[in-house]
C-alpha cells in the first residue's frame, strides 16, 4: 500500500493522543472517530490497519475491537 495516502488524511497535524485513547471505551474514541468520519482516506487507513493487524489506536474510524470484528467477518465470508 502506498503510504502517500497519509499526506491527505484529516488527522495530519492533530495530536496523536486523540487517536490513542486511554481505554477501549467508545466514548473516549468519539473525537478521533469524528475526524475519521470526514477523512478522504478513511478506507485506505482502515485497510492499512487491518493488513498490519494494528492493535492500538483508532484507524479508519475503528477501534481495535471493531477491527477484530471486521477481520472475523471477512474470514467467515471468505
Protein backbone atom coordinates (compact mmCIF):
# COMPACT_ATOMS: atom_id res chain seq x y z
CA UNK A 1 0.00 0.00 0.00
CA UNK A 2 1.33 3.38 -0.96
CA UNK A 3 1.89 5.47 2.20
CA UNK A 4 1.28 8.75 0.35
CA UNK A 5 -2.39 8.49 1.35
CA UNK A 6 -1.32 9.65 4.80
CA UNK A 7 -0.47 13.08 3.42
CA UNK A 8 -4.14 13.56 2.52
CA UNK A 9 -5.51 12.39 5.87
CA UNK A 10 -7.74 14.55 8.04
CA UNK A 11 -5.59 13.74 11.07
CA UNK A 12 -2.45 15.37 9.69
CA UNK A 13 -1.20 17.82 12.29
CA UNK A 14 -3.57 16.66 15.03
CA UNK A 15 -2.12 15.48 18.34
CA UNK A 16 -1.76 11.70 18.08
CA UNK A 17 -3.04 11.28 21.65
CA UNK A 18 -6.53 11.85 20.21
CA UNK A 19 -6.17 8.59 18.28
CA UNK A 20 -4.82 6.60 21.21
CA UNK A 21 -7.48 6.95 23.93
CA UNK A 22 -6.68 5.64 27.39
CA UNK A 23 -9.39 2.98 27.21
CA UNK A 24 -11.35 0.99 24.63
CA UNK A 25 -14.49 2.81 25.71
CA UNK A 26 -16.27 4.12 22.63
CA UNK A 27 -16.88 7.46 24.36
CA UNK A 28 -13.12 8.02 24.58
CA UNK A 29 -12.81 7.36 20.85
CA UNK A 30 -15.55 9.75 19.70
CA UNK A 31 -13.24 12.69 18.93
CA UNK A 32 -10.98 10.55 16.75
CA UNK A 33 -13.94 8.86 15.07
CA UNK A 34 -15.44 12.25 14.23
CA UNK A 35 -12.20 13.25 12.49
CA UNK A 36 -12.08 9.94 10.64
CA UNK A 37 -15.70 10.32 9.53
CA UNK A 38 -14.79 13.25 7.29
CA UNK A 39 -11.40 11.92 6.18
CA UNK A 40 -10.92 11.42 2.43
CA UNK A 41 -8.62 8.45 3.00
CA UNK A 42 -10.56 6.67 5.75
CA UNK A 43 -10.89 3.44 3.77
CA UNK A 44 -7.18 3.30 2.94
CA UNK A 45 -6.33 3.94 6.58
CA UNK A 46 -8.63 1.16 7.75
CA UNK A 47 -7.24 -1.30 5.21
CA UNK A 48 -3.71 -0.40 6.30
CA UNK A 49 -4.60 -1.11 9.93
CA UNK A 50 -6.32 -4.38 9.05
CA UNK A 51 -3.41 -5.60 6.94
CA UNK A 52 -0.91 -4.85 9.70
CA UNK A 53 -3.21 -6.05 12.49
CA UNK A 54 -2.82 -2.75 14.35
CA UNK A 55 -3.63 -3.47 17.98
CA UNK A 56 -3.83 0.05 19.33
CA UNK A 57 -5.43 3.29 18.40
CA UNK A 58 -8.20 4.49 16.15
CA UNK A 59 -7.55 3.69 12.49
CA UNK A 60 -10.00 4.38 9.71
CA UNK A 61 -12.61 5.31 12.29
CA UNK A 62 -12.45 1.99 14.11
CA UNK A 63 -11.23 0.79 17.48
CA UNK A 64 -9.12 -2.32 17.87
CA UNK A 65 -12.21 -4.29 18.92
CA UNK A 66 -14.08 -3.15 15.80
CA UNK A 67 -11.15 -4.11 13.58
CA UNK A 68 -11.07 -7.60 15.12
CA UNK A 69 -14.79 -7.92 14.34
CA UNK A 70 -14.21 -6.85 10.72
CA UNK A 71 -11.44 -9.42 10.32
CA UNK A 72 -13.63 -12.19 11.79
CA UNK A 73 -16.47 -11.27 9.42
CA UNK A 74 -14.14 -11.29 6.45
CA UNK A 75 -12.83 -14.73 7.38
CA UNK A 76 -16.39 -16.06 7.64
CA UNK A 77 -17.32 -14.77 4.19
CA UNK A 78 -14.08 -15.86 2.51
